[in-house]
Structure formats: structure tokens, C-alpha cells
Amino acid sequence: MSVKHREEKFIKLIETRTNKVLNNLRLIQNLANKSNYTYNVADAKKALLAIKVKIRQVERTFSIYEDHPVEFKLRGGDDD
């Protein structure tokens, strides 16, 4: 499979899958309407935390493919 074909496939899939996620997030947001639903704030927080954790996992997965490594430095220079 050529690089161009793999890139086109990625673009098609990332657009489709991202739009599905955005739509599902909109549907989850609709659940906050207290005139239609009754919910416990703690339960809503648990669901949102699960979403945030998965987003962080996806971000980390994509970052391993960067051309340069991600490096943390608390302070710059060699005088630490």
C-alpha cells in the first residue's frame, strides 16, 4: 500500500471517526437537561473522567509518532 493511499485512508477514517465522537459527545451533553433526565452529579463526573482518560490515552498514542521526543524539564541549563 503506497504512502499516498495510506494517507488518504487515514484522512477518510479520522474525519468519519472524529465526527462520530463529536456527535456522541453532543448526545452526552443533551443528558445534562434536567427537564428530561435525573442524574447524580457524581455519576456524571465519573463518565466525564472516563472520557478524559481515554482522550489522554489517544493523545499519548499519537505523540509517540512525532519526529522529536517529548521531554520534560523542570529547569533549563546544566546548573541544577
Protein backbone atom coordinates (compact mmCIF):
# COMPACT_ATOMS: atom_id res chain seq x y z
CA MET A 1 0.00 0.00 0.00
CA SER A 2 1.53 3.33 -1.06
CA VAL A 3 2.15 6.19 1.33
CA LYS A 4 -0.37 8.33 -0.56
CA HIS A 5 -3.03 5.63 -0.27
CA ARG A 6 -2.37 5.19 3.48
CA GLU A 7 -2.59 8.97 3.96
CA GLU A 8 -5.89 9.16 2.07
CA LYS A 9 -7.24 6.25 4.11
CA PHE A 10 -6.17 7.98 7.34
CA ILE A 11 -7.86 11.24 6.34
CA LYS A 12 -11.11 9.48 5.46
CA LEU A 13 -11.16 7.46 8.68
CA ILE A 14 -10.07 10.29 11.01
CA GLU A 15 -12.80 12.57 9.64
CA THR A 16 -15.50 9.91 9.93
CA ARG A 17 -14.47 8.74 13.38
CA THR A 18 -13.94 12.25 14.75
CA ASN A 19 -17.38 13.33 13.58
CA LYS A 20 -18.90 10.27 15.25
CA VAL A 21 -17.15 11.14 18.53
CA LEU A 22 -18.28 14.77 18.31
CA ASN A 23 -21.85 13.68 17.68
CA ASN A 24 -21.77 11.25 20.60
CA LEU A 25 -20.38 13.99 22.86
CA ARG A 26 -23.26 16.22 21.79
CA LEU A 27 -25.68 13.44 22.70
CA ILE A 28 -24.00 13.03 26.08
CA GLN A 29 -24.26 16.78 26.59
CA ASN A 30 -28.01 16.52 25.99
CA LEU A 31 -28.22 14.25 29.05
CA ALA A 32 -27.49 17.29 31.22
CA ASN A 33 -31.01 18.60 30.52
CA LYS A 34 -32.66 18.13 33.92
CA SER A 35 -36.14 18.60 32.47
CA ASN A 36 -35.66 15.31 30.59
CA TYR A 37 -33.29 13.37 32.85
CA THR A 38 -32.49 12.87 36.50
CA TYR A 39 -28.88 12.19 37.35
CA ASN A 40 -26.38 12.24 40.16
CA VAL A 41 -23.54 14.73 39.63
CA ALA A 42 -21.04 12.16 40.93
CA ASP A 43 -22.15 9.71 38.24
CA ALA A 44 -21.82 12.38 35.54
CA LYS A 45 -18.31 13.20 36.81
CA LYS A 46 -17.35 9.50 36.60
CA ALA A 47 -18.49 9.35 32.99
CA LEU A 48 -16.65 12.55 32.09
CA LEU A 49 -13.49 11.30 33.81
CA ALA A 50 -13.62 8.10 31.75
CA ILE A 51 -13.87 10.20 28.58
CA LYS A 52 -10.94 12.41 29.66
CA VAL A 53 -8.77 9.38 30.46
CA LYS A 54 -9.41 7.87 27.02
CA ILE A 55 -8.64 11.20 25.32
CA ARG A 56 -5.31 11.39 27.20
CA GLN A 57 -4.51 7.82 26.08
CA VAL A 58 -5.22 8.72 22.46
CA GLU A 59 -3.07 11.87 22.75
CA ARG A 60 -0.18 9.84 24.14
CA THR A 61 -0.53 7.25 21.39
CA PHE A 62 -0.31 9.89 18.67
CA SER A 63 2.62 11.66 20.35
CA ILE A 64 4.84 8.56 20.08
CA TYR A 65 4.85 9.06 16.32
CA GLU A 66 6.24 12.59 16.47
CA ASP A 67 9.59 13.25 14.83
CA HIS A 68 11.04 14.53 18.08
CA PRO A 69 10.68 13.06 21.57
CA VAL A 70 8.61 14.88 24.14
CA GLU A 71 10.89 15.81 27.01
CA PHE A 72 10.05 17.32 30.37
CA LYS A 73 12.44 19.76 32.02
CA LEU A 74 11.67 21.49 35.24
CA ARG A 75 14.60 23.83 34.83
CA GLY A 76 16.80 24.65 31.88
CA GLY A 77 20.57 24.52 31.70
CA ASP A 78 23.17 22.41 33.48
CA ASP A 79 23.29 24.44 36.71
CA ASP A 80 20.64 22.33 38.50
